[in-house]
Amino acid sequence: MSFETISVIGLGYIGLPTAAMFASCKKNVIGVDVCQKAVETINAGKIHIVEPELDIVVSAAVTEGYLKAVLTPEPADAFLIAVPTPFKPYNDGDVPEPDLSYIESAIKAISPVLKKGDLVILESTSPVGTTEQMAEWLAIQRPDLSFPQQVGESADVNLAHCPERVLPGKVICELVQNDRVIGGMSARCSERSVELYKTFVEGECVITNARTAEMAKLTENSSRDVQIAFANELSIICDELDINVWELIALANRHPRVNILQPGPGVGGHCIAVDPWFIVSKTPEEAKIIHTARLVNDSKPEWVINKVKLAITDFLQANPDKTARDITIACYGLAFKPDIDDLRESPAMGITQKIADMHVGRTVAIEPNIQEIPKKLTSVELVDVELALVEADIQVMLVDHKEFKCINIKEIKFIVDTKGVWK
């Protein structure tokens, strides 16, 4: 095996589990992150994110000396880039464009320690052409080395794109079992990437080119986004027609070739709410359905806010001695999906903040997977379920965490349920 030392750049929800899996296979792993606290936490054998089983793997890897975290890259045989790809600043109504500055910074950081024979893999979800752009950045930084766009198979440094495709909450299992799409910039690049991932991946490593690998990840998440948009649009239609959308979907799904997803308050996370825009920004005239699905899902939070406003009105009509200032609204869930602590692009977070902004009374949030309220949430108090059930006048279900599914709602009169938990 030609990879004895592996460096993972970015120790977040994907980078840290990936680093831990290589380390669990007795590879020397150097994790790199710009956050001092994250580095210190990992070096203490602990984790700074919530992910089942990850704490056990990291603790063992650090204790046995196979995993360490640093702030500055060190020499290695393979470098995996797992940094964010957010949007550039944009105005409402504009098509968001990807910000590749984190990838560029990572490339500049590893360039000084690159050597002949190294492999660089981009795992960050990226617009089509990013791996090629990464290769150009590397060529500028290290003119003494050759790269695939220059000399093909005989390049000093190999490059590939291998998108992560794991489900938060099941990352450890899926890193091992899921198939991987390997998009090398040459056949040799793909070959060596497969060799690396087969250190722990039991799923099939399917080889393609870099552009197709980039598009594969965007396509997977855009497909999900379109399907969720259908469910969300259906929920709005059903509300207008006084039909229980969850009963309707359950009935429709009895058809052997129908599988409608469940509606919700919007779409969040670092993938499904983001990746479709990478396609739209590249091909705005062609990506009509993908663009429309994004607009449908991005508009759903405002629909939820309007339902909360109607609930406030109903409460005041039922309690004429009360004013809006007397009303406490409880928002159940802040994460972007059930049973995790990941708040990235979470519609529940946005909805909770908008409720706090428009409501003159008290707004509380219940999120069992975090210890303190995020700084970006202002005028919102973090409370437990018991307190919310006693003190809140309006209950707003945003994330169907397991802790919420056993709540007895017989005594609750004013509910906005976006997840069908209390249907």
Protein backbone atom coordinates (compact mmCIF):
# COMPACT_ATOMS: atom_id res chain seq x y z
CA MET A 1 0.00 0.00 0.00
CA SER A 2 1.42 3.37 -1.04
CA PHE A 3 -0.52 5.45 1.48
CA GLU A 4 0.91 5.33 4.96
CA THR A 5 0.14 8.92 6.00
CA ILE A 6 -3.17 10.52 5.09
CA SER A 7 -4.12 14.15 5.65
CA VAL A 8 -7.73 15.31 5.88
CA ILE A 9 -8.26 19.04 5.44
CA GLY A 10 -11.39 20.14 7.29
CA LEU A 11 -12.53 18.27 10.40
CA GLY A 12 -16.27 18.84 10.26
CA TYR A 13 -19.22 16.49 9.78
CA ILE A 14 -17.49 14.66 6.89
CA GLY A 15 -13.78 15.27 7.42
CA LEU A 16 -13.57 14.03 11.01
CA PRO A 17 -15.45 10.74 10.45
CA THR A 18 -13.37 10.11 7.31
CA ALA A 19 -10.13 10.77 9.19
CA ALA A 20 -11.29 8.53 12.01
CA MET A 21 -12.08 5.65 9.66
CA PHE A 22 -8.62 5.74 8.06
CA ALA A 23 -7.06 5.90 11.52
CA SER A 24 -9.14 2.93 12.67
CA CYS A 25 -7.41 0.95 9.91
CA LYS A 26 -4.01 1.75 11.46
CA LYS A 27 -3.12 4.51 9.01
CA ASN A 28 -1.33 7.58 10.29
CA VAL A 29 -3.84 10.39 9.87
CA ILE A 30 -3.19 14.11 10.19
CA GLY A 31 -6.37 16.13 10.45
CA VAL A 32 -6.15 19.83 9.65
CA ASP A 33 -8.61 22.49 10.74
CA VAL A 34 -8.54 26.26 11.18
CA CYS A 35 -10.50 26.06 14.44
CA GLN A 36 -8.16 25.85 17.45
CA LYS A 37 -10.95 24.55 19.71
CA ALA A 38 -11.76 21.71 17.30
CA VAL A 39 -8.10 20.74 17.08
CA GLU A 40 -7.71 20.72 20.87
CA THR A 41 -10.92 18.75 21.36
CA ILE A 42 -9.88 16.05 18.88
CA ASN A 43 -6.37 15.78 20.31
CA ALA A 44 -8.01 15.16 23.68
CA GLY A 45 -9.77 12.16 22.12
CA LYS A 46 -13.14 13.88 22.04
CA ILE A 47 -15.43 15.19 19.29
CA HIS A 48 -16.96 18.60 18.67
CA ILE A 49 -19.96 17.37 16.66
CA VAL A 50 -22.82 14.96 17.32
CA GLU A 51 -22.59 11.72 15.35
CA PRO A 52 -23.37 8.25 16.73
CA GLU A 53 -20.32 6.01 17.33
CA LEU A 54 -17.88 8.69 16.16
CA ASP A 55 -16.72 9.46 19.70
CA ILE A 56 -15.67 5.84 20.23
CA VAL A 57 -13.71 5.68 16.96
CA VAL A 58 -11.96 9.02 17.54
CA SER A 59 -11.07 8.23 21.13
CA ALA A 60 -9.49 4.92 20.14
CA ALA A 61 -7.63 6.43 17.17
CA VAL A 62 -6.14 9.25 19.24
CA THR A 63 -5.28 6.97 22.17
CA GLU A 64 -3.50 4.52 19.86
CA GLY A 65 -1.58 7.33 18.19
CA TYR A 66 -3.03 7.02 14.67
CA LEU A 67 -4.93 10.32 14.63
CA LYS A 68 -3.80 13.81 15.47
CA ALA A 69 -5.20 17.25 14.62
CA VAL A 70 -3.14 20.29 13.63
CA LEU A 71 -3.70 23.83 12.43
CA THR A 72 -1.15 23.72 9.59
CA PRO A 73 -0.79 20.93 6.98
CA GLU A 74 2.13 18.52 7.24
CA PRO A 75 3.61 16.19 4.60
CA ALA A 76 1.47 13.15 3.74
CA ASP A 77 0.94 10.66 0.92
CA ALA A 78 -2.69 11.60 0.28
CA PHE A 79 -4.66 14.76 0.98
CA LEU A 80 -8.46 14.77 1.22
CA ILE A 81 -10.14 18.18 0.99
CA ALA A 82 -13.38 18.30 3.00
CA VAL A 83 -14.05 22.00 3.48
CA PRO A 84 -17.29 23.98 3.05
CA THR A 85 -18.54 25.28 -0.31
CA PRO A 86 -21.08 27.95 0.71
CA PHE A 87 -22.62 30.69 -1.42
CA LYS A 88 -21.20 34.07 -2.25
CA PRO A 89 -23.28 36.97 -0.87
CA TYR A 90 -26.45 37.42 -2.92
CA ASN A 91 -29.69 39.37 -2.89
CA ASP A 92 -33.19 37.89 -2.65
CA GLY A 93 -34.30 36.72 -6.05
CA ASP A 94 -30.78 36.17 -7.34
CA VAL A 95 -29.37 32.76 -8.20
CA PRO A 96 -26.74 31.99 -5.52
CA GLU A 97 -23.24 31.31 -6.81
CA PRO A 98 -20.81 28.92 -5.10
CA ASP A 99 -17.94 30.30 -3.04
CA LEU A 100 -14.83 28.22 -3.74
CA SER A 101 -12.56 30.30 -1.50
CA TYR A 102 -12.38 27.57 1.18
CA ILE A 103 -11.16 25.06 -1.39
CA GLU A 104 -8.66 27.57 -2.77
CA SER A 105 -7.38 28.28 0.76
CA ALA A 106 -7.00 24.56 1.42
CA ILE A 107 -5.02 24.15 -1.82
CA LYS A 108 -2.72 27.02 -0.91
CA ALA A 109 -2.23 25.51 2.55
CA ILE A 110 -1.19 22.04 1.34
CA SER A 111 0.87 23.24 -1.65
CA PRO A 112 4.12 23.80 0.30
CA VAL A 113 4.16 20.22 1.61
CA LEU A 114 3.20 18.43 -1.63
CA LYS A 115 5.75 16.05 -3.15
CA LYS A 116 6.03 13.77 -6.15
CA GLY A 117 3.76 10.73 -5.77
CA ASP A 118 1.09 12.46 -3.68
CA LEU A 119 -2.65 12.12 -4.27
CA VAL A 120 -5.10 15.00 -3.75
CA ILE A 121 -8.82 14.22 -3.58
CA LEU A 122 -11.59 16.80 -3.40
CA GLU A 123 -14.51 15.51 -1.32
CA SER A 124 -16.27 18.85 -0.92
CA THR A 125 -19.48 19.05 -2.93
CA SER A 126 -18.59 21.36 -5.80
CA PRO A 127 -19.87 22.76 -9.10
CA VAL A 128 -18.78 21.04 -12.28
CA GLY A 129 -15.20 21.96 -13.17
CA THR A 130 -13.95 22.54 -9.62
CA THR A 131 -11.49 19.64 -9.65
CA GLU A 132 -9.94 21.05 -12.83
CA GLN A 133 -9.82 24.48 -11.21
CA MET A 134 -8.12 22.92 -8.19
CA ALA A 135 -5.51 21.40 -10.50
CA GLU A 136 -4.81 24.81 -12.01
CA TRP A 137 -4.39 26.38 -8.58
CA LEU A 138 -1.94 23.65 -7.63
CA ALA A 139 0.05 24.12 -10.85
CA ILE A 140 0.39 27.84 -10.08
CA GLN A 141 1.48 27.17 -6.49
CA ARG A 142 3.92 24.38 -7.40
CA PRO A 143 5.43 24.90 -10.88
CA ASP A 144 8.14 22.40 -9.97
CA LEU A 145 5.59 19.55 -9.98
CA SER A 146 3.51 18.22 -12.87
CA PHE A 147 -0.25 17.67 -12.78
CA PRO A 148 -2.71 15.60 -14.88
CA GLN A 149 -3.92 18.53 -17.02
CA GLN A 150 -0.31 18.98 -18.11
CA VAL A 151 1.10 15.48 -18.64
CA GLY A 152 -1.80 13.09 -18.05
CA GLU A 153 -0.88 9.67 -16.71
CA SER A 154 2.71 10.60 -15.89
CA ALA A 155 1.80 13.47 -13.53
CA ASP A 156 3.84 13.89 -10.36
CA VAL A 157 0.67 14.53 -8.35
CA ASN A 158 -2.63 12.75 -8.97
CA LEU A 159 -6.00 14.46 -8.53
CA ALA A 160 -9.58 13.21 -8.24
CA HIS A 161 -13.05 14.11 -7.03
CA CYS A 162 -14.87 11.71 -4.72
CA PRO A 163 -18.04 13.26 -3.30
CA GLU A 164 -19.24 12.22 0.12
CA ARG A 165 -22.74 10.75 0.11
CA VAL A 166 -23.52 9.86 3.71
CA LEU A 167 -26.54 10.44 5.90
CA PRO A 168 -26.00 12.45 9.10
CA GLY A 169 -26.70 10.18 12.04
CA LYS A 170 -25.44 7.14 10.11
CA VAL A 171 -22.12 8.48 8.83
CA ILE A 172 -19.84 5.79 10.26
CA CYS A 173 -21.92 2.96 8.81
CA GLU A 174 -22.43 4.62 5.43
CA LEU A 175 -18.79 5.61 5.00
CA VAL A 176 -17.99 1.91 5.06
CA GLN A 177 -20.97 0.43 3.24
CA ASN A 178 -21.94 2.99 0.59
CA ASP A 179 -20.63 2.85 -2.97
CA ARG A 180 -18.19 5.63 -3.86
CA VAL A 181 -18.02 7.54 -7.12
CA ILE A 182 -14.37 8.11 -8.07
CA GLY A 183 -13.70 10.79 -10.68
CA GLY A 184 -10.01 10.96 -11.48
CA MET A 185 -8.42 13.43 -13.88
CA SER A 186 -6.71 10.41 -15.46
CA ALA A 187 -7.02 6.64 -15.24
CA ARG A 188 -4.02 6.59 -12.89
CA CYS A 189 -5.67 9.18 -10.63
CA SER A 190 -8.81 7.03 -10.37
CA GLU A 191 -6.83 3.84 -9.78
CA ARG A 192 -4.90 5.33 -6.89
CA SER A 193 -8.04 6.87 -5.39
CA VAL A 194 -9.76 3.49 -5.38
CA GLU A 195 -6.69 2.00 -3.70
CA LEU A 196 -6.92 4.66 -0.98
CA TYR A 197 -10.64 4.33 -0.28
CA LYS A 198 -10.50 0.55 -0.25
CA THR A 199 -8.60 0.96 3.03
CA PHE A 200 -12.02 0.91 4.71
CA VAL A 201 -14.77 1.17 2.05
CA GLU A 202 -16.69 -2.09 1.57
CA GLY A 203 -19.03 -0.63 -1.06
CA GLU A 204 -18.10 -0.57 -4.72
CA CYS A 205 -15.78 2.17 -5.96
CA VAL A 206 -17.20 3.18 -9.34
CA ILE A 207 -14.81 5.00 -11.67
CA THR A 208 -15.77 7.91 -13.90
CA ASN A 209 -14.21 11.26 -14.84
CA ALA A 210 -13.98 14.25 -12.49
CA ARG A 211 -16.75 16.29 -14.13
CA THR A 212 -19.23 13.41 -14.04
CA ALA A 213 -18.36 12.68 -10.40
CA GLU A 214 -19.03 16.32 -9.50
CA MET A 215 -22.34 16.27 -11.37
CA ALA A 216 -23.34 12.94 -9.82
CA LYS A 217 -23.43 14.41 -6.31
CA LEU A 218 -25.32 17.49 -7.49
CA THR A 219 -27.78 15.28 -9.35
CA GLU A 220 -28.44 13.05 -6.35
CA ASN A 221 -29.34 15.98 -4.14
CA SER A 222 -31.24 17.88 -6.81
CA SER A 223 -33.37 14.81 -7.37
CA ARG A 224 -34.23 14.73 -3.68
CA ASP A 225 -34.95 18.44 -3.71
CA VAL A 226 -37.40 18.10 -6.60
CA GLN A 227 -39.19 15.23 -4.85
CA ILE A 228 -39.42 17.18 -1.59
CA ALA A 229 -40.73 20.21 -3.49
CA PHE A 230 -43.56 18.05 -4.84
CA ALA A 231 -44.46 16.96 -1.31
CA ASN A 232 -44.23 20.53 0.02
CA GLU A 233 -46.38 21.90 -2.78
CA LEU A 234 -48.86 19.10 -2.18
CA SER A 235 -49.08 20.04 1.50
CA ILE A 236 -49.96 23.63 0.58
CA ILE A 237 -52.62 22.47 -1.87
CA CYS A 238 -54.09 20.06 0.68
CA ASP A 239 -54.23 22.78 3.31
CA GLU A 240 -56.21 24.92 0.90
CA LEU A 241 -58.61 22.02 0.15
CA ASP A 242 -58.93 20.90 3.82
CA ILE A 243 -57.29 17.52 3.20
CA ASN A 244 -54.87 15.75 5.56
CA VAL A 245 -51.75 15.62 3.40
CA TRP A 246 -50.12 12.81 5.40
CA GLU A 247 -53.15 10.57 5.01
CA LEU A 248 -53.27 11.45 1.33
CA ILE A 249 -49.59 10.58 0.78
CA ALA A 250 -49.98 7.30 2.68
CA LEU A 251 -52.89 6.37 0.39
CA ALA A 252 -51.07 7.42 -2.80
CA ASN A 253 -47.98 5.48 -1.75
CA ARG A 254 -50.03 2.28 -1.76
CA HIS A 255 -49.65 2.40 -5.54
CA PRO A 256 -46.77 0.02 -6.36
CA ARG A 257 -44.90 2.62 -8.43
CA VAL A 258 -45.54 5.73 -6.32
CA ASN A 259 -43.23 6.86 -3.51
CA ILE A 260 -44.03 10.41 -2.46
CA LEU A 261 -41.77 11.87 0.24
CA GLN A 262 -43.00 13.63 3.38
CA PRO A 263 -43.52 17.41 3.44
CA GLY A 264 -41.91 19.67 6.00
CA PRO A 265 -41.13 23.31 6.82
CA GLY A 266 -38.56 23.62 4.02
CA VAL A 267 -35.26 22.00 3.10
CA GLY A 268 -32.01 22.38 5.02
CA GLY A 269 -28.57 20.92 5.48
CA HIS A 270 -25.29 21.38 3.71
CA CYS A 271 -26.36 19.45 0.60
CA ILE A 272 -29.96 19.39 -0.58
CA ALA A 273 -30.62 23.08 0.09
CA VAL A 274 -27.35 24.08 -1.56
CA ASP A 275 -26.27 21.71 -4.33
CA PRO A 276 -29.12 22.35 -6.81
CA TRP A 277 -28.04 25.99 -7.01
CA PHE A 278 -24.64 24.82 -8.29
CA ILE A 279 -26.41 23.37 -11.32
CA VAL A 280 -28.72 26.36 -11.75
CA SER A 281 -25.85 28.85 -11.55
CA LYS A 282 -23.96 26.98 -14.27
CA THR A 283 -26.93 26.39 -16.60
CA PRO A 284 -29.67 28.87 -15.66
CA GLU A 285 -31.63 28.56 -18.90
CA GLU A 286 -31.70 24.77 -18.89
CA ALA A 287 -32.32 23.95 -15.20
CA LYS A 288 -36.00 24.90 -15.12
CA ILE A 289 -37.43 22.14 -12.92
CA ILE A 290 -34.46 22.21 -10.55
CA HIS A 291 -34.77 26.00 -10.20
CA THR A 292 -38.52 25.83 -9.58
CA ALA A 293 -38.09 23.14 -6.93
CA ARG A 294 -35.62 25.37 -5.10
CA LEU A 295 -38.10 28.25 -5.16
CA VAL A 296 -40.90 26.02 -3.84
CA ASN A 297 -38.80 24.68 -0.97
CA ASP A 298 -37.31 28.08 -0.12
CA SER A 299 -40.80 29.59 0.06
CA LYS A 300 -42.19 26.97 2.45
CA PRO A 301 -40.87 28.66 5.64
CA GLU A 302 -42.88 31.79 4.83
CA TRP A 303 -45.99 29.64 4.48
CA VAL A 304 -45.28 28.21 7.95
CA ILE A 305 -44.92 31.72 9.37
CA ASN A 306 -48.34 32.60 7.98
CA LYS A 307 -49.81 29.50 9.64
CA VAL A 308 -48.32 30.67 12.95
CA LYS A 309 -49.90 34.10 12.46
CA LEU A 310 -53.27 32.44 11.92
CA ALA A 311 -52.75 30.38 15.10
CA ILE A 312 -52.08 33.60 17.02
CA THR A 313 -55.31 35.09 15.66
CA ASP A 314 -57.26 31.94 16.59
CA PHE A 315 -55.83 32.00 20.10
CA LEU A 316 -56.74 35.64 20.63
CA GLN A 317 -60.28 35.04 19.39
CA ALA A 318 -60.62 32.13 21.82
CA ASN A 319 -59.08 34.17 24.66
CA PRO A 320 -60.41 37.75 24.38
CA ASP A 321 -58.87 38.69 27.70
CA LYS A 322 -55.36 38.06 26.32
CA THR A 323 -53.11 40.13 24.07
CA ALA A 324 -50.39 38.98 21.66
CA ARG A 325 -47.82 39.97 24.26
CA ASP A 326 -49.28 37.33 26.61
CA ILE A 327 -48.76 34.49 24.10
CA THR A 328 -45.80 32.10 24.36
CA ILE A 329 -44.89 30.24 21.18
CA ALA A 330 -42.84 27.04 21.38
CA CYS A 331 -40.81 25.91 18.36
CA TYR A 332 -39.94 22.23 18.40
CA GLY A 333 -36.59 21.52 16.74
CA LEU A 334 -33.79 23.67 15.31
CA ALA A 335 -31.70 21.09 13.42
CA PHE A 336 -32.17 20.59 9.69
CA LYS A 337 -33.35 16.98 10.18
CA PRO A 338 -34.35 14.64 13.01
CA ASP A 339 -32.06 13.39 15.78
CA ILE A 340 -28.88 15.31 14.92
CA ASP A 341 -27.33 18.59 16.08
CA ASP A 342 -26.55 19.95 12.61
CA LEU A 343 -28.07 23.42 12.18
CA ARG A 344 -26.63 24.23 8.74
CA GLU A 345 -29.15 25.81 6.36
CA SER A 346 -31.91 24.72 8.74
CA PRO A 347 -35.37 26.04 7.84
CA ALA A 348 -36.42 25.45 11.45
CA MET A 349 -33.77 27.92 12.62
CA GLY A 350 -34.95 30.54 10.15
CA ILE A 351 -38.60 30.04 11.03
CA THR A 352 -37.89 30.26 14.77
CA GLN A 353 -36.01 33.53 14.31
CA LYS A 354 -38.75 35.00 12.12
CA ILE A 355 -41.35 34.06 14.72
CA ALA A 356 -39.26 35.78 17.40
CA ASP A 357 -38.90 38.85 15.19
CA MET A 358 -42.59 39.23 14.36
CA HIS A 359 -44.08 38.07 17.68
CA VAL A 360 -44.25 40.58 20.52
CA GLY A 361 -44.63 37.84 23.12
CA ARG A 362 -42.24 35.13 24.25
CA THR A 363 -40.65 32.64 21.82
CA VAL A 364 -38.98 29.48 23.10
CA ALA A 365 -37.20 26.65 21.30
CA ILE A 366 -36.86 22.99 22.16
CA GLU A 367 -33.80 21.28 20.67
CA PRO A 368 -32.63 18.21 22.63
CA ASN A 369 -29.42 17.82 20.61
CA ILE A 370 -27.74 21.10 21.59
CA GLN A 371 -26.65 22.56 24.93
CA GLU A 372 -27.11 26.26 24.27
CA ILE A 373 -29.02 28.51 21.92
CA PRO A 374 -27.03 29.49 18.79
CA LYS A 375 -25.76 33.07 18.87
CA LYS A 376 -27.52 33.87 15.60
CA LEU A 377 -30.87 33.21 17.29
CA THR A 378 -31.86 36.37 19.13
CA SER A 379 -34.72 36.77 21.60
CA VAL A 380 -35.23 33.00 21.72
CA GLU A 381 -34.95 30.95 24.90
CA LEU A 382 -33.88 27.27 24.90
CA VAL A 383 -36.19 25.20 27.12
CA ASP A 384 -37.06 21.53 27.62
CA VAL A 385 -40.20 19.78 26.43
CA GLU A 386 -41.85 19.73 29.84
CA LEU A 387 -41.59 23.50 30.29
CA ALA A 388 -42.80 24.18 26.75
CA LEU A 389 -45.88 22.00 27.20
CA VAL A 390 -46.79 23.80 30.41
CA GLU A 391 -46.02 27.40 29.46
CA ALA A 392 -46.51 27.67 25.69
CA ASP A 393 -49.86 28.63 24.21
CA ILE A 394 -48.99 27.70 20.61
CA GLN A 395 -46.89 24.64 19.73
CA VAL A 396 -45.02 24.68 16.40
CA MET A 397 -43.60 21.34 15.25
CA LEU A 398 -40.61 21.91 12.94
CA VAL A 399 -38.34 18.86 13.34
CA ASP A 400 -39.61 15.37 14.16
CA HIS A 401 -36.99 14.43 16.75
CA LYS A 402 -37.71 11.12 18.50
CA GLU A 403 -38.25 12.98 21.81
CA PHE A 404 -41.26 14.77 20.32
CA LYS A 405 -43.12 11.76 18.95
CA CYS A 406 -44.32 10.52 22.34
CA ILE A 407 -45.83 13.85 23.45
CA ASN A 408 -49.48 13.61 24.50
CA ILE A 409 -51.22 16.39 22.60
CA LYS A 410 -54.77 15.77 23.85
CA GLU A 411 -54.71 18.93 25.94
CA ILE A 412 -53.02 21.07 23.27
CA LYS A 413 -55.43 23.23 21.28
CA PHE A 414 -53.24 25.48 19.15
CA ILE A 415 -50.80 23.54 16.98
CA VAL A 416 -48.89 24.19 13.78
CA ASP A 417 -47.54 20.78 12.77
CA THR A 418 -45.27 20.92 9.69
CA LYS A 419 -44.11 17.30 10.04
CA GLY A 420 -47.29 15.36 10.70
CA VAL A 421 -46.05 14.22 14.11
CA TRP A 422 -49.30 15.25 15.80
CA LYS A 423 -51.64 14.55 12.89
